[in-house]
Amino acid sequence: MFLNAGPVVRCVMLLLAFASLVTWTILIAKTVEIVRLRRELSQAEDNLEQAETLERGERLTQDCRIARTLVVAAETERMRSVDIPDDEEGLKERIVLHLERLEAAEGRRLLRGTGLLATIGATSPFIGLFGTVWGIMSSFTGIAAAKATSLAVVAPGIAEALLATALGLVAAIPAVIIYNHLARQSAGCRAQVADITSLIMRLVSRDLGRLRSQRTRGTVVRFSQRDQQAVAE
């Protein structure tokens, strides 16, 4: 039926076949990415649960890019604010704002490529329908030229045209299902990132509480080497 179809219908079928190939390629690629990322985020959560300070949390999250980025961002903001030690609430607010921006960026990164699935799922049936309409028009034109209306003359052309609609559904239905599946998986990853952000803020609050307690008791606060360099600058 593909070989007997007209050039326009053939192009429509090839386009739909390519869209289906793209759909399954995105499924494989995103599944591998999400599975690896969820494993790394779970390990990072466990490590941050065991960390006592933010600096130790940074060392324990070396193997997870997202967690390390969030920890480094919090540590960087803390070092930049070391010259205003009494602004604890302001420091927390600045860290939260920075981490929220990084969370949003990671959420966009996770959804990258899934928009194409939504486009394929929404447009493939209509592309297939266009091929069907065009094929039926060509069939009726051939019938008029042959001046014959028997089923043997009409059926092959209509069957070839309807194949385009079938291919449109074959491309659209998996695209919609895969899109919803990846959206749920991405939402799970974003939830894990939010949990890591909460753990980081807990470490920040814990460090600030220790510093406040030491200042209250009148003890000497020993800054890390990074904080000493920040003060010197």
C-alpha atoms as a PDB file:
ATOM      1  CA  MET A   1       0.000   0.000   0.000  1.00  0.00           C
ATOM      2  CA  PHE A   2       2.885   2.355   0.708  1.00  0.00           C
ATOM      3  CA  LEU A   3       4.460   1.760  -2.712  1.00  0.00           C
ATOM      4  CA  ASN A   4       1.149   2.217  -4.508  1.00  0.00           C
ATOM      5  CA  ALA A   5       0.290   5.450  -2.691  1.00  0.00           C
ATOM      6  CA  GLY A   6       0.818   8.862  -4.245  1.00  0.00           C
ATOM      7  CA  PRO A   7       3.871  11.030  -3.518  1.00  0.00           C
ATOM      8  CA  VAL A   8       2.063  13.286  -1.043  1.00  0.00           C
ATOM      9  CA  VAL A   9       0.669  10.359   0.943  1.00  0.00           C
ATOM     10  CA  ARG A  10       4.101   8.711   0.922  1.00  0.00           C
ATOM     11  CA  CYS A  11       5.656  11.855   2.387  1.00  0.00           C
ATOM     12  CA  VAL A  12       2.987  11.914   5.088  1.00  0.00           C
ATOM     13  CA  MET A  13       3.666   8.274   5.959  1.00  0.00           C
ATOM     14  CA  LEU A  14       7.418   8.834   6.106  1.00  0.00           C
ATOM     15  CA  LEU A  15       6.932  11.887   8.317  1.00  0.00           C
ATOM     16  CA  LEU A  16       4.749   9.919  10.710  1.00  0.00           C
ATOM     17  CA  ALA A  17       7.226   7.031  10.781  1.00  0.00           C
ATOM     18  CA  PHE A  18      10.007   9.487  11.619  1.00  0.00           C
ATOM     19  CA  ALA A  19       7.867  11.038  14.379  1.00  0.00           C
ATOM     20  CA  SER A  20       7.296   7.582  15.853  1.00  0.00           C
ATOM     21  CA  LEU A  21      11.045   6.896  15.777  1.00  0.00           C
ATOM     22  CA  VAL A  22      11.713  10.186  17.568  1.00  0.00           C
ATOM     23  CA  THR A  23       9.129   9.284  20.217  1.00  0.00           C
ATOM     24  CA  TRP A  24      10.754   5.975  21.095  1.00  0.00           C
ATOM     25  CA  THR A  25      14.222   7.513  20.992  1.00  0.00           C
ATOM     26  CA  ILE A  26      13.174  10.168  23.515  1.00  0.00           C
ATOM     27  CA  LEU A  27      11.655   7.462  25.732  1.00  0.00           C
ATOM     28  CA  ILE A  28      14.897   5.479  25.834  1.00  0.00           C
ATOM     29  CA  ALA A  29      17.128   8.522  26.343  1.00  0.00           C
ATOM     30  CA  LYS A  30      14.999  10.147  29.038  1.00  0.00           C
ATOM     31  CA  THR A  31      14.433   6.854  30.860  1.00  0.00           C
ATOM     32  CA  VAL A  32      18.170   6.258  31.121  1.00  0.00           C
ATOM     33  CA  GLU A  33      18.715   9.851  32.263  1.00  0.00           C
ATOM     34  CA  ILE A  34      15.947   9.796  34.873  1.00  0.00           C
ATOM     35  CA  VAL A  35      16.883   6.390  36.310  1.00  0.00           C
ATOM     36  CA  ARG A  36      20.511   7.464  36.723  1.00  0.00           C
ATOM     37  CA  LEU A  37      19.500  10.824  38.180  1.00  0.00           C
ATOM     38  CA  ARG A  38      17.060   9.362  40.699  1.00  0.00           C
ATOM     39  CA  ARG A  39      19.725   6.956  41.916  1.00  0.00           C
ATOM     40  CA  GLU A  40      22.203   9.824  42.367  1.00  0.00           C
ATOM     41  CA  LEU A  41      19.634  12.004  44.129  1.00  0.00           C
ATOM     42  CA  SER A  42      18.680   9.196  46.511  1.00  0.00           C
ATOM     43  CA  GLN A  43      22.336   8.678  47.415  1.00  0.00           C
ATOM     44  CA  ALA A  44      22.813  12.401  47.883  1.00  0.00           C
ATOM     45  CA  GLU A  45      19.790  12.555  50.201  1.00  0.00           C
ATOM     46  CA  ASP A  46      21.227   9.787  52.350  1.00  0.00           C
ATOM     47  CA  ASN A  47      24.617  11.533  52.488  1.00  0.00           C
ATOM     48  CA  LEU A  48      23.105  14.885  53.442  1.00  0.00           C
ATOM     49  CA  GLU A  49      21.095  13.181  56.179  1.00  0.00           C
ATOM     50  CA  GLN A  50      24.386  11.972  57.673  1.00  0.00           C
ATOM     51  CA  ALA A  51      26.215  15.308  57.292  1.00  0.00           C
ATOM     52  CA  GLU A  52      26.640  17.494  60.371  1.00  0.00           C
ATOM     53  CA  THR A  53      27.734  20.683  58.602  1.00  0.00           C
ATOM     54  CA  LEU A  54      27.292  22.269  55.208  1.00  0.00           C
ATOM     55  CA  GLU A  55      30.975  21.903  54.443  1.00  0.00           C
ATOM     56  CA  ARG A  56      30.832  18.161  55.094  1.00  0.00           C
ATOM     57  CA  GLY A  57      27.684  17.958  52.986  1.00  0.00           C
ATOM     58  CA  GLU A  58      29.618  19.440  50.090  1.00  0.00           C
ATOM     59  CA  ARG A  59      32.238  16.709  50.370  1.00  0.00           C
ATOM     60  CA  LEU A  60      29.609  13.975  50.546  1.00  0.00           C
ATOM     61  CA  THR A  61      27.754  15.096  47.412  1.00  0.00           C
ATOM     62  CA  GLN A  62      30.633  15.024  44.953  1.00  0.00           C
ATOM     63  CA  ASP A  63      29.029  12.243  42.912  1.00  0.00           C
ATOM     64  CA  CYS A  64      25.698  14.044  42.315  1.00  0.00           C
ATOM     65  CA  ARG A  65      25.866  17.069  40.041  1.00  0.00           C
ATOM     66  CA  ILE A  66      22.555  18.598  41.131  1.00  0.00           C
ATOM     67  CA  ALA A  67      23.102  18.154  44.865  1.00  0.00           C
ATOM     68  CA  ARG A  68      26.651  19.453  44.651  1.00  0.00           C
ATOM     69  CA  THR A  69      25.484  22.500  42.684  1.00  0.00           C
ATOM     70  CA  LEU A  70      22.913  23.310  45.359  1.00  0.00           C
ATOM     71  CA  VAL A  71      25.361  22.821  48.233  1.00  0.00           C
ATOM     72  CA  VAL A  72      28.057  24.898  46.547  1.00  0.00           C
ATOM     73  CA  ALA A  73      25.519  27.674  45.905  1.00  0.00           C
ATOM     74  CA  ALA A  74      24.556  27.745  49.588  1.00  0.00           C
ATOM     75  CA  GLU A  75      28.198  27.637  50.672  1.00  0.00           C
ATOM     76  CA  THR A  76      29.120  30.413  48.265  1.00  0.00           C
ATOM     77  CA  GLU A  77      26.355  32.680  49.530  1.00  0.00           C
ATOM     78  CA  ARG A  78      27.383  31.993  53.112  1.00  0.00           C
ATOM     79  CA  MET A  79      30.976  32.950  52.353  1.00  0.00           C
ATOM     80  CA  ARG A  80      29.894  36.128  50.601  1.00  0.00           C
ATOM     81  CA  SER A  81      27.873  37.104  53.665  1.00  0.00           C
ATOM     82  CA  VAL A  82      30.545  36.314  56.242  1.00  0.00           C
ATOM     83  CA  ASP A  83      31.157  40.026  56.835  1.00  0.00           C
ATOM     84  CA  ILE A  84      27.557  40.506  58.084  1.00  0.00           C
ATOM     85  CA  PRO A  85      27.319  37.852  60.827  1.00  0.00           C
ATOM     86  CA  ASP A  86      24.181  39.275  62.463  1.00  0.00           C
ATOM     87  CA  ASP A  87      22.047  38.964  59.324  1.00  0.00           C
ATOM     88  CA  GLU A  88      21.062  35.320  59.757  1.00  0.00           C
ATOM     89  CA  GLU A  89      17.507  35.682  58.467  1.00  0.00           C
ATOM     90  CA  GLY A  90      18.707  37.663  55.471  1.00  0.00           C
ATOM     91  CA  LEU A  91      21.303  35.004  54.737  1.00  0.00           C
ATOM     92  CA  LYS A  92      18.675  32.263  54.830  1.00  0.00           C
ATOM     93  CA  GLU A  93      16.415  34.253  52.531  1.00  0.00           C
ATOM     94  CA  ARG A  94      19.202  34.831  50.005  1.00  0.00           C
ATOM     95  CA  ILE A  95      20.144  31.153  50.017  1.00  0.00           C
ATOM     96  CA  VAL A  96      16.516  30.082  49.561  1.00  0.00           C
ATOM     97  CA  LEU A  97      16.075  32.457  46.611  1.00  0.00           C
ATOM     98  CA  HIS A  98      19.224  31.125  44.962  1.00  0.00           C
ATOM     99  CA  LEU A  99      18.284  27.499  45.518  1.00  0.00           C
ATOM    100  CA  GLU A 100      14.771  28.068  44.201  1.00  0.00           C
ATOM    101  CA  ARG A 101      16.222  29.483  40.991  1.00  0.00           C
ATOM    102  CA  LEU A 102      18.520  26.472  40.633  1.00  0.00           C
ATOM    103  CA  GLU A 103      15.570  24.131  41.294  1.00  0.00           C
ATOM    104  CA  ALA A 104      13.584  25.781  38.505  1.00  0.00           C
ATOM    105  CA  ALA A 105      16.531  25.443  36.133  1.00  0.00           C
ATOM    106  CA  GLU A 106      16.873  21.737  36.909  1.00  0.00           C
ATOM    107  CA  GLY A 107      13.128  21.276  36.405  1.00  0.00           C
ATOM    108  CA  ARG A 108      13.401  22.799  32.940  1.00  0.00           C
ATOM    109  CA  ARG A 109      16.375  20.568  32.205  1.00  0.00           C
ATOM    110  CA  LEU A 110      14.412  17.464  33.189  1.00  0.00           C
ATOM    111  CA  LEU A 111      11.528  18.381  30.864  1.00  0.00           C
ATOM    112  CA  ARG A 112      13.800  19.103  27.942  1.00  0.00           C
ATOM    113  CA  GLY A 113      12.689  17.029  24.938  1.00  0.00           C
ATOM    114  CA  THR A 114       9.273  16.138  26.302  1.00  0.00           C
ATOM    115  CA  GLY A 115       7.658  19.118  24.592  1.00  0.00           C
ATOM    116  CA  LEU A 116       8.376  17.432  21.287  1.00  0.00           C
ATOM    117  CA  LEU A 117       6.313  14.449  22.462  1.00  0.00           C
ATOM    118  CA  ALA A 118       3.370  16.720  23.175  1.00  0.00           C
ATOM    119  CA  THR A 119       3.674  18.207  19.697  1.00  0.00           C
ATOM    120  CA  ILE A 120       3.789  14.768  18.086  1.00  0.00           C
ATOM    121  CA  GLY A 121       0.818  13.540  20.104  1.00  0.00           C
ATOM    122  CA  ALA A 122      -1.264  16.586  19.215  1.00  0.00           C
ATOM    123  CA  THR A 123      -0.450  16.877  15.504  1.00  0.00           C
ATOM    124  CA  SER A 124       0.097  13.320  14.258  1.00  0.00           C
ATOM    125  CA  PRO A 125      -3.619  12.430  13.923  1.00  0.00           C
ATOM    126  CA  PHE A 126      -4.227  15.556  11.866  1.00  0.00           C
ATOM    127  CA  ILE A 127      -1.192  14.905   9.678  1.00  0.00           C
ATOM    128  CA  GLY A 128      -2.465  11.380   9.074  1.00  0.00           C
ATOM    129  CA  LEU A 129      -5.921  12.743   8.331  1.00  0.00           C
ATOM    130  CA  PHE A 130      -4.439  15.124   5.788  1.00  0.00           C
ATOM    131  CA  GLY A 131      -2.771  12.191   4.052  1.00  0.00           C
ATOM    132  CA  THR A 132      -6.062  10.290   4.067  1.00  0.00           C
ATOM    133  CA  VAL A 133      -8.028  13.190   2.584  1.00  0.00           C
ATOM    134  CA  TRP A 134      -5.402  13.746  -0.073  1.00  0.00           C
ATOM    135  CA  GLY A 135      -5.309  10.052  -0.947  1.00  0.00           C
ATOM    136  CA  ILE A 136      -9.102   9.844  -1.239  1.00  0.00           C
ATOM    137  CA  MET A 137      -9.127  12.921  -3.447  1.00  0.00           C
ATOM    138  CA  SER A 138      -6.545  11.274  -5.685  1.00  0.00           C
ATOM    139  CA  SER A 139      -8.605   8.075  -5.749  1.00  0.00           C
ATOM    140  CA  PHE A 140     -11.760   9.903  -6.816  1.00  0.00           C
ATOM    141  CA  THR A 141      -9.787  11.728  -9.471  1.00  0.00           C
ATOM    142  CA  GLY A 142      -8.557   8.376 -10.776  1.00  0.00           C
ATOM    143  CA  ILE A 143     -12.088   6.990 -10.720  1.00  0.00           C
ATOM    144  CA  ALA A 144     -13.341   9.922 -12.765  1.00  0.00           C
ATOM    145  CA  ALA A 145     -10.532   9.456 -15.262  1.00  0.00           C
ATOM    146  CA  ALA A 146     -11.154   5.705 -15.558  1.00  0.00           C
ATOM    147  CA  LYS A 147     -14.922   6.194 -15.659  1.00  0.00           C
ATOM    148  CA  ALA A 148     -15.356   3.110 -13.470  1.00  0.00           C
ATOM    149  CA  THR A 149     -16.968   2.901 -10.036  1.00  0.00           C
ATOM    150  CA  SER A 150     -16.540  -0.765  -9.166  1.00  0.00           C
ATOM    151  CA  LEU A 151     -15.222  -1.729  -5.713  1.00  0.00           C
ATOM    152  CA  ALA A 152     -12.085  -3.199  -7.277  1.00  0.00           C
ATOM    153  CA  VAL A 153     -11.206   0.244  -8.616  1.00  0.00           C
ATOM    154  CA  VAL A 154     -12.170   2.280  -5.515  1.00  0.00           C
ATOM    155  CA  ALA A 155     -10.962   0.067  -2.667  1.00  0.00           C
ATOM    156  CA  PRO A 156      -7.142   0.056  -3.231  1.00  0.00           C
ATOM    157  CA  GLY A 157      -6.832   3.845  -3.325  1.00  0.00           C
ATOM    158  CA  ILE A 158      -9.020   4.341  -0.265  1.00  0.00           C
ATOM    159  CA  ALA A 159      -7.140   1.640   1.666  1.00  0.00           C
ATOM    160  CA  GLU A 160      -3.813   3.309   0.885  1.00  0.00           C
ATOM    161  CA  ALA A 161      -5.227   6.635   2.031  1.00  0.00           C
ATOM    162  CA  LEU A 162      -6.583   5.191   5.286  1.00  0.00           C
ATOM    163  CA  LEU A 163      -3.136   3.793   6.047  1.00  0.00           C
ATOM    164  CA  ALA A 164      -2.000   7.368   6.648  1.00  0.00           C
ATOM    165  CA  THR A 165      -4.630   7.807   9.362  1.00  0.00           C
ATOM    166  CA  ALA A 166      -3.586   4.531  10.967  1.00  0.00           C
ATOM    167  CA  LEU A 167       0.067   5.648  11.013  1.00  0.00           C
ATOM    168  CA  GLY A 168      -1.005   8.954  12.538  1.00  0.00           C
ATOM    169  CA  LEU A 169      -2.647   7.121  15.422  1.00  0.00           C
ATOM    170  CA  VAL A 170       0.339   4.794  15.771  1.00  0.00           C
ATOM    171  CA  ALA A 171       2.568   7.859  16.179  1.00  0.00           C
ATOM    172  CA  ALA A 172       0.212   9.873  18.400  1.00  0.00           C
ATOM    173  CA  ILE A 173      -0.979   7.341  20.978  1.00  0.00           C
ATOM    174  CA  PRO A 174       2.490   6.239  22.217  1.00  0.00           C
ATOM    175  CA  ALA A 175       3.666   9.872  22.203  1.00  0.00           C
ATOM    176  CA  VAL A 176       0.858  10.918  24.577  1.00  0.00           C
ATOM    177  CA  ILE A 177       1.402   7.931  26.870  1.00  0.00           C
ATOM    178  CA  ILE A 178       5.168   8.417  26.960  1.00  0.00           C
ATOM    179  CA  TYR A 179       4.769  12.143  27.590  1.00  0.00           C
ATOM    180  CA  ASN A 180       2.561  11.521  30.624  1.00  0.00           C
ATOM    181  CA  HIS A 181       4.938   8.842  31.905  1.00  0.00           C
ATOM    182  CA  LEU A 182       7.994  11.086  31.610  1.00  0.00           C
ATOM    183  CA  ALA A 183       6.103  13.984  33.180  1.00  0.00           C
ATOM    184  CA  ARG A 184       5.366  11.847  36.246  1.00  0.00           C
ATOM    185  CA  GLN A 185       8.969  10.661  36.458  1.00  0.00           C
ATOM    186  CA  SER A 186      10.257  14.222  36.121  1.00  0.00           C
ATOM    187  CA  ALA A 187       7.880  15.347  38.865  1.00  0.00           C
ATOM    188  CA  GLY A 188       9.378  12.663  41.113  1.00  0.00           C
ATOM    189  CA  CYS A 189      12.883  13.953  40.390  1.00  0.00           C
ATOM    190  CA  ARG A 190      11.828  17.523  41.121  1.00  0.00           C
ATOM    191  CA  ALA A 191      10.395  16.368  44.440  1.00  0.00           C
ATOM    192  CA  GLN A 192      13.744  14.783  45.295  1.00  0.00           C
ATOM    193  CA  VAL A 193      15.529  18.010  44.394  1.00  0.00           C
ATOM    194  CA  ALA A 194      13.143  19.888  46.694  1.00  0.00           C
ATOM    195  CA  ASP A 195      13.953  17.415  49.488  1.00  0.00           C
ATOM    196  CA  ILE A 196      17.668  18.021  48.967  1.00  0.00           C
ATOM    197  CA  THR A 197      17.066  21.766  49.148  1.00  0.00           C
ATOM    198  CA  SER A 198      15.297  21.279  52.490  1.00  0.00           C
ATOM    199  CA  LEU A 199      18.201  19.214  53.800  1.00  0.00           C
ATOM    200  CA  ILE A 200      20.664  21.895  52.717  1.00  0.00           C
ATOM    201  CA  MET A 201      18.657  24.609  54.462  1.00  0.00           C
ATOM    202  CA  ARG A 202      18.615  22.444  57.574  1.00  0.00           C
ATOM    203  CA  LEU A 203      22.409  22.269  57.492  1.00  0.00           C
ATOM    204  CA  VAL A 204      22.604  26.035  56.976  1.00  0.00           C
ATOM    205  CA  SER A 205      20.305  26.631  59.932  1.00  0.00           C
ATOM    206  CA  ARG A 206      22.315  24.203  62.033  1.00  0.00           C
ATOM    207  CA  ASP A 207      25.598  25.954  61.208  1.00  0.00           C
ATOM    208  CA  LEU A 208      24.118  29.355  61.967  1.00  0.00           C
ATOM    209  CA  GLY A 209      22.727  28.032  65.245  1.00  0.00           C
ATOM    210  CA  ARG A 210      26.176  26.792  66.263  1.00  0.00           C
ATOM    211  CA  LEU A 211      27.740  30.171  65.474  1.00  0.00           C
ATOM    212  CA  ARG A 212      25.030  32.007  67.425  1.00  0.00           C
ATOM    213  CA  SER A 213      25.487  29.691  70.394  1.00  0.00           C
ATOM    214  CA  GLN A 214      29.247  30.191  70.387  1.00  0.00           C
ATOM    215  CA  ARG A 215      28.879  33.972  70.237  1.00  0.00           C
ATOM    216  CA  THR A 216      26.362  33.855  73.112  1.00  0.00           C
ATOM    217  CA  ARG A 217      28.788  31.904  75.288  1.00  0.00           C
ATOM    218  CA  GLY A 218      31.575  34.318  74.392  1.00  0.00           C
ATOM    219  CA  THR A 219      33.752  31.664  72.804  1.00  0.00           C
ATOM    220  CA  VAL A 220      36.023  32.232  69.860  1.00  0.00           C
ATOM    221  CA  VAL A 221      34.422  31.333  66.548  1.00  0.00           C
ATOM    222  CA  ARG A 222      36.841  29.564  64.244  1.00  0.00           C
ATOM    223  CA  PHE A 223      36.004  30.115  60.620  1.00  0.00           C
ATOM    224  CA  SER A 224      36.946  27.659  57.952  1.00  0.00           C
ATOM    225  CA  GLN A 225      39.770  28.471  55.560  1.00  0.00           C
ATOM    226  CA  ARG A 226      37.230  29.553  52.935  1.00  0.00           C
ATOM    227  CA  ASP A 227      35.592  32.018  55.311  1.00  0.00           C
ATOM    228  CA  GLN A 228      38.980  33.483  56.266  1.00  0.00           C
ATOM    229  CA  GLN A 229      39.789  34.022  52.608  1.00  0.00           C
ATOM    230  CA  ALA A 230      36.385  35.681  52.053  1.00  0.00           C
ATOM    231  CA  VAL A 231      36.950  38.053  54.987  1.00  0.00           C
ATOM    232  CA  ALA A 232      40.436  38.892  53.717  1.00  0.00           C
ATOM    233  CA  GLU A 233      39.041  39.760  50.295  1.00  0.00           C
END
